[in-house]
């Protein structure tokens, strides 16, 4: 099963409100430092969000769950 990128981000951010808040803070931080512009060789704001989610999955805090667990508990994904 797969989800489109916006659905995937929505799933992670709706599971825990802290994830959304942290993603917004990191996006704002990156934009203010001009390091969220893929046309200039830096990651996009979407890439920064993915980095935040990855960190939350593998870091010590483990706030964001893996997608498969989310799918089993709250969301049903349809094949694209």
C-alpha atoms as a PDB file:
ATOM      1  CA  UNK A   1       0.000   0.000   0.000  1.00  0.00           C
ATOM      2  CA  UNK A   2       1.198   3.489  -0.720  1.00  0.00           C
ATOM      3  CA  UNK A   3       0.051   6.999   0.036  1.00  0.00           C
ATOM      4  CA  UNK A   4       0.688  10.229  -1.773  1.00  0.00           C
ATOM      5  CA  UNK A   5       3.207  12.564  -0.101  1.00  0.00           C
ATOM      6  CA  UNK A   6       0.575  14.976   1.287  1.00  0.00           C
ATOM      7  CA  UNK A   7      -1.419  12.067   2.744  1.00  0.00           C
ATOM      8  CA  UNK A   8       1.695  10.634   4.315  1.00  0.00           C
ATOM      9  CA  UNK A   9       2.675  13.922   5.965  1.00  0.00           C
ATOM     10  CA  UNK A  10      -0.906  14.437   7.113  1.00  0.00           C
ATOM     11  CA  UNK A  11      -0.922  10.971   8.661  1.00  0.00           C
ATOM     12  CA  UNK A  12       2.260  11.584  10.641  1.00  0.00           C
ATOM     13  CA  UNK A  13       1.292  15.073  11.762  1.00  0.00           C
ATOM     14  CA  UNK A  14      -2.236  14.140  12.800  1.00  0.00           C
ATOM     15  CA  UNK A  15      -1.063  11.231  14.936  1.00  0.00           C
ATOM     16  CA  UNK A  16       0.841  13.514  17.307  1.00  0.00           C
ATOM     17  CA  UNK A  17       0.414  17.330  17.284  1.00  0.00           C
ATOM     18  CA  UNK A  18       4.039  17.802  18.350  1.00  0.00           C
ATOM     19  CA  UNK A  19       5.182  16.393  15.001  1.00  0.00           C
ATOM     20  CA  UNK A  20       3.313  19.099  13.085  1.00  0.00           C
ATOM     21  CA  UNK A  21       4.641  21.831  15.354  1.00  0.00           C
ATOM     22  CA  UNK A  22       8.225  20.651  14.992  1.00  0.00           C
ATOM     23  CA  UNK A  23       7.884  20.362  11.217  1.00  0.00           C
ATOM     24  CA  UNK A  24       6.602  23.929  10.984  1.00  0.00           C
ATOM     25  CA  UNK A  25       9.414  25.232  13.185  1.00  0.00           C
ATOM     26  CA  UNK A  26      12.076  23.460  11.113  1.00  0.00           C
ATOM     27  CA  UNK A  27      10.536  24.670   7.829  1.00  0.00           C
ATOM     28  CA  UNK A  28      10.469  28.262   9.099  1.00  0.00           C
ATOM     29  CA  UNK A  29      14.041  27.949  10.403  1.00  0.00           C
ATOM     30  CA  UNK A  30      15.288  26.600   7.069  1.00  0.00           C
ATOM     31  CA  UNK A  31      13.493  29.266   5.031  1.00  0.00           C
ATOM     32  CA  UNK A  32      14.858  32.096   7.178  1.00  0.00           C
ATOM     33  CA  UNK A  33      18.379  30.800   6.670  1.00  0.00           C
ATOM     34  CA  UNK A  34      17.823  30.378   2.929  1.00  0.00           C
ATOM     35  CA  UNK A  35      18.531  26.663   3.067  1.00  0.00           C
ATOM     36  CA  UNK A  36      15.115  25.497   1.813  1.00  0.00           C
ATOM     37  CA  UNK A  37      15.532  26.317  -1.853  1.00  0.00           C
ATOM     38  CA  UNK A  38      16.121  23.323  -4.136  1.00  0.00           C
ATOM     39  CA  UNK A  39      16.835  25.622  -7.081  1.00  0.00           C
ATOM     40  CA  UNK A  40      19.969  26.775  -5.263  1.00  0.00           C
ATOM     41  CA  UNK A  41      21.089  23.298  -4.305  1.00  0.00           C
ATOM     42  CA  UNK A  42      19.599  22.987  -0.821  1.00  0.00           C
ATOM     43  CA  UNK A  43      16.832  20.605   0.297  1.00  0.00           C
ATOM     44  CA  UNK A  44      13.215  21.613  -0.264  1.00  0.00           C
ATOM     45  CA  UNK A  45      10.884  22.323   2.635  1.00  0.00           C
ATOM     46  CA  UNK A  46       9.292  18.917   1.982  1.00  0.00           C
ATOM     47  CA  UNK A  47      12.712  17.293   2.373  1.00  0.00           C
ATOM     48  CA  UNK A  48      13.173  19.083   5.700  1.00  0.00           C
ATOM     49  CA  UNK A  49       9.831  17.685   6.874  1.00  0.00           C
ATOM     50  CA  UNK A  50      10.904  14.179   5.856  1.00  0.00           C
ATOM     51  CA  UNK A  51      14.150  14.637   7.768  1.00  0.00           C
ATOM     52  CA  UNK A  52      12.203  15.669  10.884  1.00  0.00           C
ATOM     53  CA  UNK A  53       9.925  12.643  10.610  1.00  0.00           C
ATOM     54  CA  UNK A  54      12.874  10.330  10.061  1.00  0.00           C
ATOM     55  CA  UNK A  55      14.653  11.740  13.089  1.00  0.00           C
ATOM     56  CA  UNK A  56      11.552  11.272  15.204  1.00  0.00           C
ATOM     57  CA  UNK A  57      11.295   7.650  14.042  1.00  0.00           C
ATOM     58  CA  UNK A  58      14.890   6.618  14.664  1.00  0.00           C
ATOM     59  CA  UNK A  59      15.984   9.041  17.384  1.00  0.00           C
ATOM     60  CA  UNK A  60      15.850   8.429  21.102  1.00  0.00           C
ATOM     61  CA  UNK A  61      12.452  10.091  21.546  1.00  0.00           C
ATOM     62  CA  UNK A  62      10.598   7.948  18.941  1.00  0.00           C
ATOM     63  CA  UNK A  63       7.625  10.291  18.683  1.00  0.00           C
ATOM     64  CA  UNK A  64       6.552   9.436  15.137  1.00  0.00           C
ATOM     65  CA  UNK A  65       5.593   5.854  14.530  1.00  0.00           C
ATOM     66  CA  UNK A  66       6.445   3.947  11.397  1.00  0.00           C
ATOM     67  CA  UNK A  67       3.913   4.193   8.586  1.00  0.00           C
ATOM     68  CA  UNK A  68       2.894   0.553   8.793  1.00  0.00           C
ATOM     69  CA  UNK A  69       1.815   0.998  12.412  1.00  0.00           C
ATOM     70  CA  UNK A  70      -0.126   4.131  11.518  1.00  0.00           C
ATOM     71  CA  UNK A  71      -1.898   2.289   8.717  1.00  0.00           C
ATOM     72  CA  UNK A  72      -2.943  -0.542  11.005  1.00  0.00           C
ATOM     73  CA  UNK A  73      -4.246   1.719  13.748  1.00  0.00           C
ATOM     74  CA  UNK A  74      -5.864   4.754  12.148  1.00  0.00           C
ATOM     75  CA  UNK A  75      -5.502   5.022   8.405  1.00  0.00           C
ATOM     76  CA  UNK A  76      -6.257   2.907   5.411  1.00  0.00           C
ATOM     77  CA  UNK A  77      -4.132   3.552   2.365  1.00  0.00           C
ATOM     78  CA  UNK A  78      -5.286   2.687  -1.126  1.00  0.00           C
ATOM     79  CA  UNK A  79      -3.062   1.502  -3.924  1.00  0.00           C
ATOM     80  CA  UNK A  80      -2.085   4.200  -6.371  1.00  0.00           C
END
